C-alpha cells in the first residue's frame, strides 16, 4: 500500500474512479519493469512465476473454526461459554477431554482425546 500511495496517489487528486484506475494502470507496467531490491529479479517476471505456482481454489469454502478442549462431566455434558452441550455417552467417559469445534453458529464435539480416557462411564 505504501508503494501505491507514494507512487500513484501522492500529490494528485482524482475526479473519478475511472481516472484513478487509469493512473494505476499506467503505473503498473513501470513497476513490473523494476528490479526488486530484495530478490534482485524483475517484479513482473517474479509475479508471473509466483502466479503460475498458485494452486486452484478448493471447491468448498474453508471452514473457519476455533478449537477448545473441555472436560466431560458425569452427566456427559461439556460446558462452553455458559452453556452445556451433550456428547455421545457411548464414546466418552466422565473426566475425559473432548475437542469442541466452534464456528459462528455451531458448537460441535469433534474428537475424543485418548490421553484422557481414564474415568467413569457417564450416567
PDB file of N, CA and C in Angstrom:
ATOM      1  N   UNK A   1       0.812  -1.196   0.000  1.00  0.00           N
ATOM      2  CA  UNK A   1       0.000   0.000   0.000  1.00  0.00           C
ATOM      3  C   UNK A   1       0.851   1.254   0.000  1.00  0.00           C
ATOM      4  N   UNK A   2       1.962   1.234   0.730  1.00  0.00           N
ATOM      5  CA  UNK A   2       2.808   2.426   0.775  1.00  0.00           C
ATOM      6  C   UNK A   2       3.342   2.766  -0.609  1.00  0.00           C
ATOM      7  N   UNK A   3       3.706   1.734  -1.381  1.00  0.00           N
ATOM      8  CA  UNK A   3       4.251   1.979  -2.721  1.00  0.00           C
ATOM      9  C   UNK A   3       3.195   2.626  -3.608  1.00  0.00           C
ATOM     10  N   UNK A   4       1.982   2.117  -3.585  1.00  0.00           N
ATOM     11  CA  UNK A   4       0.906   2.697  -4.397  1.00  0.00           C
ATOM     12  C   UNK A   4       0.618   4.120  -3.941  1.00  0.00           C
ATOM     13  N   UNK A   5       0.559   4.322  -2.638  1.00  0.00           N
ATOM     14  CA  UNK A   5       0.287   5.665  -2.124  1.00  0.00           C
ATOM     15  C   UNK A   5       1.381   6.642  -2.547  1.00  0.00           C
ATOM     16  N   UNK A   6       2.636   6.219  -2.424  1.00  0.00           N
ATOM     17  CA  UNK A   6       3.748   7.118  -2.729  1.00  0.00           C
ATOM     18  C   UNK A   6       3.954   7.339  -4.225  1.00  0.00           C
ATOM     19  N   UNK A   7       3.675   6.339  -5.050  1.00  0.00           N
ATOM     20  CA  UNK A   7       3.969   6.459  -6.480  1.00  0.00           C
ATOM     21  C   UNK A   7       2.769   6.793  -7.353  1.00  0.00           C
ATOM     22  N   UNK A   8       1.575   6.472  -6.921  1.00  0.00           N
ATOM     23  CA  UNK A   8       0.387   6.724  -7.742  1.00  0.00           C
ATOM     24  C   UNK A   8      -0.456   7.855  -7.166  1.00  0.00           C
ATOM     25  N   UNK A   9      -0.624   7.885  -5.867  1.00  0.00           N
ATOM     26  CA  UNK A   9      -1.568   8.814  -5.255  1.00  0.00           C
ATOM     27  C   UNK A   9      -0.947  10.123  -4.776  1.00  0.00           C
ATOM     28  N   UNK A  10       0.335  10.115  -4.415  1.00  0.00           N
ATOM     29  CA  UNK A  10       0.963  11.269  -3.774  1.00  0.00           C
ATOM     30  C   UNK A  10       0.883  12.517  -4.655  1.00  0.00           C
ATOM     31  N   UNK A  11       0.372  13.583  -4.075  1.00  0.00           N
ATOM     32  CA  UNK A  11       0.322  14.873  -4.748  1.00  0.00           C
ATOM     33  C   UNK A  11      -0.690  14.982  -5.869  1.00  0.00           C
ATOM     34  N   UNK A  12      -1.573  14.003  -5.972  1.00  0.00           N
ATOM     35  CA  UNK A  12      -2.552  14.010  -7.057  1.00  0.00           C
ATOM     36  C   UNK A  12      -3.949  13.953  -6.487  1.00  0.00           C
ATOM     37  N   UNK A  13      -4.892  14.454  -7.268  1.00  0.00           N
ATOM     38  CA  UNK A  13      -6.306  14.289  -6.918  1.00  0.00           C
ATOM     39  C   UNK A  13      -7.021  13.746  -8.146  1.00  0.00           C
ATOM     40  N   UNK A  14      -8.037  12.971  -7.902  1.00  0.00           N
ATOM     41  CA  UNK A  14      -8.761  12.314  -8.982  1.00  0.00           C
ATOM     42  C   UNK A  14     -10.231  12.706  -8.890  1.00  0.00           C
ATOM     43  N   UNK A  15     -10.824  12.952 -10.030  1.00  0.00           N
ATOM     44  CA  UNK A  15     -12.231  13.364 -10.045  1.00  0.00           C
ATOM     45  C   UNK A  15     -13.175  12.180 -10.209  1.00  0.00           C
ATOM     46  N   UNK A  16     -12.629  10.996 -10.507  1.00  0.00           N
ATOM     47  CA  UNK A  16     -13.478   9.821 -10.659  1.00  0.00           C
ATOM     48  C   UNK A  16     -12.662   8.561 -10.415  1.00  0.00           C
ATOM     49  N   UNK A  17     -13.367   7.486 -10.198  1.00  0.00           N
ATOM     50  CA  UNK A  17     -12.712   6.182 -10.040  1.00  0.00           C
ATOM     51  C   UNK A  17     -12.026   5.792 -11.349  1.00  0.00           C
ATOM     52  N   UNK A  18     -12.632   6.096 -12.471  1.00  0.00           N
ATOM     53  CA  UNK A  18     -12.037   5.770 -13.769  1.00  0.00           C
ATOM     54  C   UNK A  18     -10.685   6.467 -13.941  1.00  0.00           C
ATOM     55  N   UNK A  19     -10.592   7.709 -13.496  1.00  0.00           N
ATOM     56  CA  UNK A  19      -9.328   8.446 -13.586  1.00  0.00           C
ATOM     57  C   UNK A  19      -8.267   7.811 -12.681  1.00  0.00           C
ATOM     58  N   UNK A  20      -8.657   7.405 -11.487  1.00  0.00           N
ATOM     59  CA  UNK A  20      -7.750   6.715 -10.574  1.00  0.00           C
ATOM     60  C   UNK A  20      -7.302   5.387 -11.165  1.00  0.00           C
ATOM     61  N   UNK A  21      -8.239   4.628 -11.733  1.00  0.00           N
ATOM     62  CA  UNK A  21      -7.898   3.351 -12.367  1.00  0.00           C
ATOM     63  C   UNK A  21      -6.920   3.548 -13.515  1.00  0.00           C
ATOM     64  N   UNK A  22      -7.107   4.589 -14.305  1.00  0.00           N
ATOM     65  CA  UNK A  22      -6.208   4.862 -15.431  1.00  0.00           C
ATOM     66  C   UNK A  22      -4.800   5.188 -14.936  1.00  0.00           C
ATOM     67  N   UNK A  23      -4.700   5.969 -13.855  1.00  0.00           N
ATOM     68  CA  UNK A  23      -3.390   6.294 -13.294  1.00  0.00           C
ATOM     69  C   UNK A  23      -2.705   5.042 -12.774  1.00  0.00           C
ATOM     70  N   UNK A  24      -3.455   4.178 -12.105  1.00  0.00           N
ATOM     71  CA  UNK A  24      -2.889   2.933 -11.590  1.00  0.00           C
ATOM     72  C   UNK A  24      -2.459   2.024 -12.741  1.00  0.00           C
ATOM     73  N   UNK A  25      -3.308   1.908 -13.770  1.00  0.00           N
ATOM     74  CA  UNK A  25      -2.987   1.057 -14.929  1.00  0.00           C
ATOM     75  C   UNK A  25      -1.741   1.562 -15.660  1.00  0.00           C
ATOM     76  N   UNK A  26      -1.526   2.870 -15.696  1.00  0.00           N
ATOM     77  CA  UNK A  26      -0.324   3.419 -16.337  1.00  0.00           C
ATOM     78  C   UNK A  26       0.917   3.151 -15.494  1.00  0.00           C
ATOM     79  N   UNK A  27       0.773   3.057 -14.180  1.00  0.00           N
ATOM     80  CA  UNK A  27       1.905   2.846 -13.286  1.00  0.00           C
ATOM     81  C   UNK A  27       2.334   1.377 -13.205  1.00  0.00           C
ATOM     82  N   UNK A  28       1.404   0.447 -13.334  1.00  0.00           N
ATOM     83  CA  UNK A  28       1.709  -0.984 -13.159  1.00  0.00           C
ATOM     84  C   UNK A  28       2.824  -1.462 -14.089  1.00  0.00           C
ATOM     85  N   UNK A  29       2.812  -1.177 -15.405  1.00  0.00           N
ATOM     86  CA  UNK A  29       3.923  -1.644 -16.250  1.00  0.00           C
ATOM     87  C   UNK A  29       5.279  -1.068 -15.823  1.00  0.00           C
ATOM     88  N   UNK A  30       5.287   0.155 -15.340  1.00  0.00           N
ATOM     89  CA  UNK A  30       6.537   0.752 -14.854  1.00  0.00           C
ATOM     90  C   UNK A  30       7.041  -0.029 -13.648  1.00  0.00           C
ATOM     91  N   UNK A  31       6.146  -0.340 -12.728  1.00  0.00           N
ATOM     92  CA  UNK A  31       6.524  -1.083 -11.521  1.00  0.00           C
ATOM     93  C   UNK A  31       6.994  -2.492 -11.862  1.00  0.00           C
ATOM     94  N   UNK A  32       6.308  -3.160 -12.773  1.00  0.00           N
ATOM     95  CA  UNK A  32       6.678  -4.536 -13.132  1.00  0.00           C
ATOM     96  C   UNK A  32       8.007  -4.622 -13.865  1.00  0.00           C
ATOM     97  N   UNK A  33       8.472  -3.526 -14.436  1.00  0.00           N
ATOM     98  CA  UNK A  33       9.767  -3.498 -15.133  1.00  0.00           C
ATOM     99  C   UNK A  33      10.912  -3.147 -14.189  1.00  0.00           C
ATOM    100  N   UNK A  34      10.607  -2.923 -12.921  1.00  0.00           N
ATOM    101  CA  UNK A  34      11.606  -2.544 -11.927  1.00  0.00           C
ATOM    102  C   UNK A  34      12.236  -3.792 -11.310  1.00  0.00           C
ATOM    103  N   UNK A  35      13.533  -3.693 -11.001  1.00  0.00           N
ATOM    104  CA  UNK A  35      14.221  -4.779 -10.304  1.00  0.00           C
ATOM    105  C   UNK A  35      13.940  -4.637  -8.814  1.00  0.00           C
ATOM    106  N   UNK A  36      13.474  -5.724  -8.218  1.00  0.00           N
ATOM    107  CA  UNK A  36      13.158  -5.724  -6.793  1.00  0.00           C
ATOM    108  C   UNK A  36      14.455  -5.690  -5.987  1.00  0.00           C
ATOM    109  N   UNK A  37      14.496  -4.883  -4.939  1.00  0.00           N
ATOM    110  CA  UNK A  37      15.730  -4.716  -4.169  1.00  0.00           C
ATOM    111  C   UNK A  37      16.049  -5.912  -3.277  1.00  0.00           C
ATOM    112  N   UNK A  38      15.084  -6.727  -2.930  1.00  0.00           N
ATOM    113  CA  UNK A  38      15.347  -7.867  -2.051  1.00  0.00           C
ATOM    114  C   UNK A  38      15.828  -9.086  -2.829  1.00  0.00           C
ATOM    115  N   UNK A  39      15.053  -9.517  -3.827  1.00  0.00           N
ATOM    116  CA  UNK A  39      15.413 -10.739  -4.539  1.00  0.00           C
ATOM    117  C   UNK A  39      16.118 -10.481  -5.861  1.00  0.00           C
ATOM    118  N   UNK A  40      16.233  -9.235  -6.296  1.00  0.00           N
ATOM    119  CA  UNK A  40      17.020  -8.888  -7.476  1.00  0.00           C
ATOM    120  C   UNK A  40      16.426  -9.311  -8.798  1.00  0.00           C
ATOM    121  N   UNK A  41      15.161  -9.663  -8.825  1.00  0.00           N
ATOM    122  CA  UNK A  41      14.502 -10.068 -10.070  1.00  0.00           C
ATOM    123  C   UNK A  41      13.563  -8.969 -10.534  1.00  0.00           C
ATOM    124  N   UNK A  42      13.242  -9.000 -11.837  1.00  0.00           N
ATOM    125  CA  UNK A  42      12.211  -8.091 -12.335  1.00  0.00           C
ATOM    126  C   UNK A  42      10.896  -8.472 -11.666  1.00  0.00           C
ATOM    127  N   UNK A  43      10.199  -7.485 -11.181  1.00  0.00           N
ATOM    128  CA  UNK A  43       8.964  -7.740 -10.430  1.00  0.00           C
ATOM    129  C   UNK A  43       7.937  -8.452 -11.298  1.00  0.00           C
ATOM    130  N   UNK A  44       7.813  -8.075 -12.565  1.00  0.00           N
ATOM    131  CA  UNK A  44       6.852  -8.710 -13.468  1.00  0.00           C
ATOM    132  C   UNK A  44       7.153 -10.179 -13.709  1.00  0.00           C
ATOM    133  N   UNK A  45       8.461 -10.518 -13.864  1.00  0.00           N
ATOM    134  CA  UNK A  45       8.821 -11.925 -14.070  1.00  0.00           C
ATOM    135  C   UNK A  45       8.560 -12.747 -12.814  1.00  0.00           C
ATOM    136  N   UNK A  46       8.905 -12.194 -11.670  1.00  0.00           N
ATOM    137  CA  UNK A  46       8.667 -12.903 -10.409  1.00  0.00           C
ATOM    138  C   UNK A  46       7.172 -13.086 -10.173  1.00  0.00           C
ATOM    139  N   UNK A  47       6.386 -12.058 -10.484  1.00  0.00           N
ATOM    140  CA  UNK A  47       4.931 -12.153 -10.306  1.00  0.00           C
ATOM    141  C   UNK A  47       4.347 -13.230 -11.211  1.00  0.00           C
ATOM    142  N   UNK A  48       4.825 -13.317 -12.450  1.00  0.00           N
ATOM    143  CA  UNK A  48       4.321 -14.339 -13.380  1.00  0.00           C
ATOM    144  C   UNK A  48       4.665 -15.739 -12.871  1.00  0.00           C
ATOM    145  N   UNK A  49       5.899 -15.924 -12.374  1.00  0.00           N
ATOM    146  CA  UNK A  49       6.303 -17.233 -11.851  1.00  0.00           C
ATOM    147  C   UNK A  49       5.495 -17.585 -10.599  1.00  0.00           C
ATOM    148  N   UNK A  50       5.306 -16.625  -9.710  1.00  0.00           N
ATOM    149  CA  UNK A  50       4.517 -16.873  -8.496  1.00  0.00           C
ATOM    150  C   UNK A  50       3.069 -17.204  -8.846  1.00  0.00           C
ATOM    151  N   UNK A  51       2.522 -16.488  -9.806  1.00  0.00           N
ATOM    152  CA  UNK A  51       1.133 -16.717 -10.217  1.00  0.00           C
ATOM    153  C   UNK A  51       0.964 -18.118 -10.793  1.00  0.00           C
ATOM    154  N   UNK A  52       1.941 -18.574 -11.590  1.00  0.00           N
ATOM    155  CA  UNK A  52       1.875 -19.914 -12.194  1.00  0.00           C
ATOM    156  C   UNK A  52       1.952 -21.012 -11.128  1.00  0.00           C
ATOM    157  N   UNK A  53       2.589 -20.727 -10.005  1.00  0.00           N
ATOM    158  CA  UNK A  53       2.747 -21.731  -8.947  1.00  0.00           C
ATOM    159  C   UNK A  53       1.522 -21.843  -8.049  1.00  0.00           C
ATOM    160  N   UNK A  54       0.581 -20.922  -8.159  1.00  0.00           N
ATOM    161  CA  UNK A  54      -0.599 -20.967  -7.308  1.00  0.00           C
ATOM    162  C   UNK A  54      -1.502 -22.140  -7.670  1.00  0.00           C
ATOM    163  N   UNK A  55      -2.035 -22.802  -6.683  1.00  0.00           N
ATOM    164  CA  UNK A  55      -2.988 -23.892  -6.897  1.00  0.00           C
ATOM    165  C   UNK A  55      -4.383 -23.297  -7.063  1.00  0.00           C
ATOM    166  N   UNK A  56      -5.281 -24.032  -7.727  1.00  0.00           N
ATOM    167  CA  UNK A  56      -6.655 -23.519  -7.840  1.00  0.00           C
ATOM    168  C   UNK A  56      -7.340 -23.485  -6.480  1.00  0.00           C
ATOM    169  N   UNK A  57      -8.327 -22.639  -6.361  1.00  0.00           N
ATOM    170  CA  UNK A  57      -9.088 -22.558  -5.120  1.00  0.00           C
ATOM    171  C   UNK A  57      -9.868 -23.850  -4.903  1.00  0.00           C
ATOM    172  N   UNK A  58     -10.021 -24.284  -3.660  1.00  0.00           N
ATOM    173  CA  UNK A  58     -10.795 -25.503  -3.402  1.00  0.00           C
ATOM    174  C   UNK A  58     -12.264 -25.308  -3.770  1.00  0.00           C
ATOM    175  N   UNK A  59     -12.928 -26.420  -4.077  1.00  0.00           N
ATOM    176  CA  UNK A  59     -14.335 -26.365  -4.484  1.00  0.00           C
ATOM    177  C   UNK A  59     -15.236 -25.908  -3.339  1.00  0.00           C
ATOM    178  N   UNK A  60     -14.893 -26.286  -2.108  1.00  0.00           N
ATOM    179  CA  UNK A  60     -15.723 -25.886  -0.969  1.00  0.00           C
ATOM    180  C   UNK A  60     -15.012 -24.778  -0.187  1.00  0.00           C
ATOM    181  N   UNK A  61     -15.783 -23.992   0.513  1.00  0.00           N
ATOM    182  CA  UNK A  61     -15.232 -22.881   1.288  1.00  0.00           C
ATOM    183  C   UNK A  61     -14.424 -23.408   2.464  1.00  0.00           C
ATOM    184  N   UNK A  62     -13.423 -22.660   2.863  1.00  0.00           N
ATOM    185  CA  UNK A  62     -12.598 -23.010   4.017  1.00  0.00           C
ATOM    186  C   UNK A  62     -13.395 -22.738   5.293  1.00  0.00           C
ATOM    187  N   UNK A  63     -13.462 -23.716   6.160  1.00  0.00           N
ATOM    188  CA  UNK A  63     -14.198 -23.582   7.408  1.00  0.00           C
ATOM    189  C   UNK A  63     -13.312 -22.898   8.445  1.00  0.00           C
ATOM    190  N   UNK A  64     -13.770 -21.773   8.932  1.00  0.00           N
ATOM    191  CA  UNK A  64     -13.053 -21.063   9.986  1.00  0.00           C
ATOM    192  C   UNK A  64     -13.708 -21.434  11.307  1.00  0.00           C
ATOM    193  N   UNK A  65     -12.935 -22.084  12.165  1.00  0.00           N
ATOM    194  CA  UNK A  65     -13.483 -22.542  13.440  1.00  0.00           C
ATOM    195  C   UNK A  65     -12.413 -22.466  14.516  1.00  0.00           C
ATOM    196  N   UNK A  66     -12.857 -22.202  15.719  1.00  0.00           N
ATOM    197  CA  UNK A  66     -11.972 -22.263  16.875  1.00  0.00           C
ATOM    198  C   UNK A  66     -12.057 -23.672  17.450  1.00  0.00           C
ATOM    199  N   UNK A  67     -10.983 -24.093  18.112  1.00  0.00           N
ATOM    200  CA  UNK A  67     -10.988 -25.397  18.763  1.00  0.00           C
ATOM    201  C   UNK A  67     -10.714 -25.204  20.247  1.00  0.00           C
ATOM    202  N   UNK A  68     -11.493 -25.889  21.071  1.00  0.00           N
ATOM    203  CA  UNK A  68     -11.361 -25.782  22.518  1.00  0.00           C
ATOM    204  C   UNK A  68     -11.436 -27.179  23.128  1.00  0.00           C
ATOM    205  N   UNK A  69     -10.615 -27.437  24.140  1.00  0.00           N
ATOM    206  CA  UNK A  69     -10.694 -28.693  24.889  1.00  0.00           C
ATOM    207  C   UNK A  69     -11.565 -28.467  26.115  1.00  0.00           C
ATOM    208  N   UNK A  70     -12.478 -29.402  26.355  1.00  0.00           N
ATOM    209  CA  UNK A  70     -13.355 -29.333  27.519  1.00  0.00           C
ATOM    210  C   UNK A  70     -13.440 -30.703  28.166  1.00  0.00           C
ATOM    211  N   UNK A  71     -13.595 -30.703  29.502  1.00  0.00           N
ATOM    212  CA  UNK A  71     -13.721 -31.952  30.266  1.00  0.00           C
ATOM    213  C   UNK A  71     -15.179 -32.389  30.274  1.00  0.00           C
ATOM    214  N   UNK A  72     -15.393 -33.687  30.089  1.00  0.00           N
ATOM    215  CA  UNK A  72     -16.745 -34.258  30.104  1.00  0.00           C
ATOM    216  C   UNK A  72     -17.177 -34.456  31.545  1.00  0.00           C
ATOM    217  N   UNK A  73     -18.383 -33.985  31.868  1.00  0.00           N
ATOM    218  CA  UNK A  73     -18.927 -34.154  33.208  1.00  0.00           C
ATOM    219  C   UNK A  73     -19.540 -35.534  33.400  1.00  0.00           C
ATOM    220  N   UNK A  74     -19.953 -35.856  34.628  1.00  0.00           N
ATOM    221  CA  UNK A  74     -20.563 -37.155  34.940  1.00  0.00           C
ATOM    222  C   UNK A  74     -21.848 -37.387  34.161  1.00  0.00           C
ATOM    223  N   UNK A  75     -22.491 -36.288  33.739  1.00  0.00           N
ATOM    224  CA  UNK A  75     -23.751 -36.388  33.002  1.00  0.00           C
ATOM    225  C   UNK A  75     -23.561 -36.338  31.484  1.00  0.00           C
ATOM    226  N   UNK A  76     -22.316 -36.517  31.005  1.00  0.00           N
ATOM    227  CA  UNK A  76     -21.961 -36.491  29.576  1.00  0.00           C
ATOM    228  C   UNK A  76     -22.220 -35.128  28.942  1.00  0.00           C
ATOM    229  N   UNK A  77     -22.040 -34.090  29.738  1.00  0.00           N
ATOM    230  CA  UNK A  77     -22.179 -32.732  29.210  1.00  0.00           C
ATOM    231  C   UNK A  77     -20.838 -32.020  29.319  1.00  0.00           C
ATOM    232  N   UNK A  78     -20.592 -31.126  28.373  1.00  0.00           N
ATOM    233  CA  UNK A  78     -19.411 -30.271  28.438  1.00  0.00           C
ATOM    234  C   UNK A  78     -19.896 -28.833  28.499  1.00  0.00           C
ATOM    235  N   UNK A  79     -19.162 -28.009  29.215  1.00  0.00           N
ATOM    236  CA  UNK A  79     -19.527 -26.618  29.376  1.00  0.00           C
ATOM    237  C   UNK A  79     -18.687 -25.766  28.432  1.00  0.00           C
ATOM    238  N   UNK A  80     -19.371 -24.848  27.743  1.00  0.00           N
ATOM    239  CA  UNK A  80     -18.666 -23.902  26.879  1.00  0.00           C
ATOM    240  C   UNK A  80     -19.419 -22.580  26.894  1.00  0.00           C
ATOM    241  N   UNK A  81     -18.754 -21.535  27.335  1.00  0.00           N
ATOM    242  CA  UNK A  81     -19.296 -20.180  27.395  1.00  0.00           C
ATOM    243  C   UNK A  81     -20.677 -20.116  28.058  1.00  0.00           C
ATOM    244  N   UNK A  82     -20.782 -20.792  29.202  1.00  0.00           N
ATOM    245  CA  UNK A  82     -22.001 -20.705  29.995  1.00  0.00           C
ATOM    246  C   UNK A  82     -23.127 -21.619  29.558  1.00  0.00           C
ATOM    247  N   UNK A  83     -22.912 -22.429  28.543  1.00  0.00           N
ATOM    248  CA  UNK A  83     -23.939 -23.379  28.096  1.00  0.00           C
ATOM    249  C   UNK A  83     -23.389 -24.792  28.203  1.00  0.00           C
ATOM    250  N   UNK A  84     -24.300 -25.752  28.310  1.00  0.00           N
ATOM    251  CA  UNK A  84     -23.926 -27.164  28.376  1.00  0.00           C
ATOM    252  C   UNK A  84     -24.274 -27.844  27.063  1.00  0.00           C
ATOM    253  N   UNK A  85     -23.376 -28.699  26.595  1.00  0.00           N
ATOM    254  CA  UNK A  85     -23.572 -29.429  25.340  1.00  0.00           C
ATOM    255  C   UNK A  85     -23.357 -30.903  25.604  1.00  0.00           C
ATOM    256  N   UNK A  86     -24.207 -31.745  25.008  1.00  0.00           N
ATOM    257  CA  UNK A  86     -24.086 -33.181  25.218  1.00  0.00           C
ATOM    258  C   UNK A  86     -23.070 -33.771  24.263  1.00  0.00           C
ATOM    259  N   UNK A  87     -22.443 -34.846  24.728  1.00  0.00           N
ATOM    260  CA  UNK A  87     -21.519 -35.618  23.899  1.00  0.00           C
ATOM    261  C   UNK A  87     -21.994 -37.059  23.931  1.00  0.00           C
ATOM    262  N   UNK A  88     -21.666 -37.854  22.910  1.00  0.00           N
ATOM    263  CA  UNK A  88     -22.167 -39.238  22.854  1.00  0.00           C
ATOM    264  C   UNK A  88     -21.638 -40.097  24.006  1.00  0.00           C
ATOM    265  N   UNK A  89     -22.540 -40.604  24.826  1.00  0.00           N
ATOM    266  CA  UNK A  89     -22.164 -41.379  26.013  1.00  0.00           C
ATOM    267  C   UNK A  89     -21.424 -42.666  25.649  1.00  0.00           C
ATOM    268  N   UNK A  90     -21.673 -43.230  24.482  1.00  0.00           N
ATOM    269  CA  UNK A  90     -21.014 -44.480  24.086  1.00  0.00           C
ATOM    270  C   UNK A  90     -19.524 -44.274  23.796  1.00  0.00           C
ATOM    271  N   UNK A  91     -19.113 -43.049  23.520  1.00  0.00           N
ATOM    272  CA  UNK A  91     -17.736 -42.796  23.100  1.00  0.00           C
ATOM    273  C   UNK A  91     -16.877 -42.124  24.160  1.00  0.00           C
ATOM    274  N   UNK A  92     -17.485 -41.650  25.235  1.00  0.00           N
ATOM    275  CA  UNK A  92     -16.709 -40.888  26.217  1.00  0.00           C
ATOM    276  C   UNK A  92     -16.933 -41.405  27.624  1.00  0.00           C
ATOM    277  N   UNK A  93     -16.053 -40.992  28.511  1.00  0.00           N
ATOM    278  CA  UNK A  93     -16.177 -41.270  29.931  1.00  0.00           C
ATOM    279  C   UNK A  93     -16.100 -39.937  30.671  1.00  0.00           C
ATOM    280  N   UNK A  94     -16.687 -39.906  31.831  1.00  0.00           N
ATOM    281  CA  UNK A  94     -16.608 -38.695  32.653  1.00  0.00           C
ATOM    282  C   UNK A  94     -15.147 -38.392  32.949  1.00  0.00           C
ATOM    283  N   UNK A  95     -14.779 -37.144  32.851  1.00  0.00           N
ATOM    284  CA  UNK A  95     -13.403 -36.731  33.106  1.00  0.00           C
ATOM    285  C   UNK A  95     -12.544 -36.687  31.854  1.00  0.00           C
ATOM    286  N   UNK A  96     -12.999 -37.308  30.793  1.00  0.00           N
ATOM    287  CA  UNK A  96     -12.259 -37.277  29.539  1.00  0.00           C
ATOM    288  C   UNK A  96     -12.294 -35.877  28.948  1.00  0.00           C
ATOM    289  N   UNK A  97     -11.351 -35.571  28.091  1.00  0.00           N
ATOM    290  CA  UNK A  97     -11.364 -34.290  27.392  1.00  0.00           C
ATOM    291  C   UNK A  97     -11.811 -34.521  25.952  1.00  0.00           C
ATOM    292  N   UNK A  98     -12.669 -33.633  25.480  1.00  0.00           N
ATOM    293  CA  UNK A  98     -13.106 -33.671  24.084  1.00  0.00           C
ATOM    294  C   UNK A  98     -12.781 -32.325  23.449  1.00  0.00           C
ATOM    295  N   UNK A  99     -12.576 -32.375  22.156  1.00  0.00           N
ATOM    296  CA  UNK A  99     -12.312 -31.154  21.416  1.00  0.00           C
ATOM    297  C   UNK A  99     -13.620 -30.633  20.844  1.00  0.00           C
ATOM    298  N   UNK A 100     -13.912 -29.366  21.097  1.00  0.00           N
ATOM    299  CA  UNK A 100     -15.089 -28.726  20.526  1.00  0.00           C
ATOM    300  C   UNK A 100     -14.635 -27.862  19.356  1.00  0.00           C
ATOM    301  N   UNK A 101     -15.324 -27.982  18.238  1.00  0.00           N
ATOM    302  CA  UNK A 101     -15.084 -27.096  17.101  1.00  0.00           C
ATOM    303  C   UNK A 101     -16.198 -26.059  17.109  1.00  0.00           C
ATOM    304  N   UNK A 102     -15.811 -24.791  17.207  1.00  0.00           N
ATOM    305  CA  UNK A 102     -16.772 -23.711  17.372  1.00  0.00           C
ATOM    306  C   UNK A 102     -16.721 -22.786  16.161  1.00  0.00           C
ATOM    307  N   UNK A 103     -17.856 -22.668  15.471  1.00  0.00           N
ATOM    308  CA  UNK A 103     -17.995 -21.716  14.376  1.00  0.00           C
ATOM    309  C   UNK A 103     -18.925 -20.605  14.841  1.00  0.00           C
ATOM    310  N   UNK A 104     -19.278 -19.712  13.943  1.00  0.00           N
ATOM    311  CA  UNK A 104     -20.181 -18.631  14.306  1.00  0.00           C
ATOM    312  C   UNK A 104     -21.559 -19.112  14.716  1.00  0.00           C
ATOM    313  N   UNK A 105     -21.958 -20.314  14.262  1.00  0.00           N
ATOM    314  CA  UNK A 105     -23.316 -20.780  14.525  1.00  0.00           C
ATOM    315  C   UNK A 105     -23.396 -22.153  15.187  1.00  0.00           C
ATOM    316  N   UNK A 106     -22.274 -22.862  15.352  1.00  0.00           N
ATOM    317  CA  UNK A 106     -22.328 -24.224  15.887  1.00  0.00           C
ATOM    318  C   UNK A 106     -21.223 -24.495  16.893  1.00  0.00           C
ATOM    319  N   UNK A 107     -21.533 -25.375  17.841  1.00  0.00           N
ATOM    320  CA  UNK A 107     -20.545 -25.952  18.742  1.00  0.00           C
ATOM    321  C   UNK A 107     -20.658 -27.457  18.562  1.00  0.00           C
ATOM    322  N   UNK A 108     -19.601 -28.076  18.043  1.00  0.00           N
ATOM    323  CA  UNK A 108     -19.651 -29.492  17.697  1.00  0.00           C
ATOM    324  C   UNK A 108     -18.520 -30.246  18.387  1.00  0.00           C
ATOM    325  N   UNK A 109     -18.852 -31.310  19.155  1.00  0.00           N
ATOM    326  CA  UNK A 109     -17.770 -32.152  19.694  1.00  0.00           C
ATOM    327  C   UNK A 109     -17.171 -32.950  18.545  1.00  0.00           C
ATOM    328  N   UNK A 110     -15.864 -32.840  18.357  1.00  0.00           N
ATOM    329  CA  UNK A 110     -15.238 -33.447  17.187  1.00  0.00           C
ATOM    330  C   UNK A 110     -14.333 -34.623  17.511  1.00  0.00           C
ATOM    331  N   UNK A 111     -13.645 -34.566  18.605  1.00  0.00           N
ATOM    332  CA  UNK A 111     -12.617 -35.573  18.815  1.00  0.00           C
ATOM    333  C   UNK A 111     -12.471 -35.864  20.297  1.00  0.00           C
ATOM    334  N   UNK A 112     -12.370 -37.147  20.621  1.00  0.00           N
ATOM    335  CA  UNK A 112     -12.096 -37.562  21.988  1.00  0.00           C
ATOM    336  C   UNK A 112     -10.590 -37.709  22.103  1.00  0.00           C
ATOM    337  N   UNK A 113     -10.017 -37.146  23.144  1.00  0.00           N
ATOM    338  CA  UNK A 113      -8.576 -37.237  23.335  1.00  0.00           C
ATOM    339  C   UNK A 113      -8.257 -38.472  24.158  1.00  0.00           C
ATOM    340  N   UNK A 114      -7.566 -39.452  23.537  1.00  0.00           N
ATOM    341  CA  UNK A 114      -7.320 -40.728  24.208  1.00  0.00           C
ATOM    342  C   UNK A 114      -6.440 -40.618  25.443  1.00  0.00           C
ATOM    343  N   UNK A 115      -5.592 -39.611  25.520  1.00  0.00           N
ATOM    344  CA  UNK A 115      -4.719 -39.476  26.685  1.00  0.00           C
ATOM    345  C   UNK A 115      -5.517 -39.249  27.957  1.00  0.00           C
ATOM    346  N   UNK A 116      -6.748 -38.810  27.816  1.00  0.00           N
ATOM    347  CA  UNK A 116      -7.573 -38.551  28.997  1.00  0.00           C
ATOM    348  C   UNK A 116      -8.681 -39.587  29.128  1.00  0.00           C
ATOM    349  N   UNK A 117      -8.446 -40.828  28.703  1.00  0.00           N
ATOM    350  CA  UNK A 117      -9.506 -41.824  28.639  1.00  0.00           C
ATOM    351  C   UNK A 117      -9.831 -42.457  29.983  1.00  0.00           C
ATOM    352  N   UNK A 118      -9.084 -42.147  31.028  1.00  0.00           N
ATOM    353  CA  UNK A 118      -9.425 -42.693  32.343  1.00  0.00           C
ATOM    354  C   UNK A 118     -10.698 -42.015  32.844  1.00  0.00           C
ATOM    355  N   UNK A 119     -11.449 -42.727  33.582  1.00  0.00           N
ATOM    356  CA  UNK A 119     -12.630 -42.123  34.176  1.00  0.00           C
ATOM    357  C   UNK A 119     -13.798 -43.080  34.216  1.00  0.00           C
ATOM    358  N   UNK A 120     -14.906 -42.627  34.759  1.00  0.00           N
ATOM    359  CA  UNK A 120     -16.109 -43.432  34.909  1.00  0.00           C
ATOM    360  C   UNK A 120     -17.036 -43.214  33.716  1.00  0.00           C
ATOM    361  N   UNK A 121     -17.864 -44.204  33.456  1.00  0.00           N
ATOM    362  CA  UNK A 121     -18.886 -44.052  32.413  1.00  0.00           C
ATOM    363  C   UNK A 121     -19.843 -42.953  32.782  1.00  0.00           C
ATOM    364  N   UNK A 122     -20.332 -42.250  31.791  1.00  0.00           N
ATOM    365  CA  UNK A 122     -21.345 -41.207  32.054  1.00  0.00           C
ATOM    366  C   UNK A 122     -22.624 -41.862  32.528  1.00  0.00           C
ATOM    367  N   UNK A 123     -23.378 -41.119  33.327  1.00  0.00           N
ATOM    368  CA  UNK A 123     -24.674 -41.646  33.798  1.00  0.00           C
ATOM    369  C   UNK A 123     -25.778 -41.219  32.897  1.00  0.00           C
TER     370      UNK A 123
END
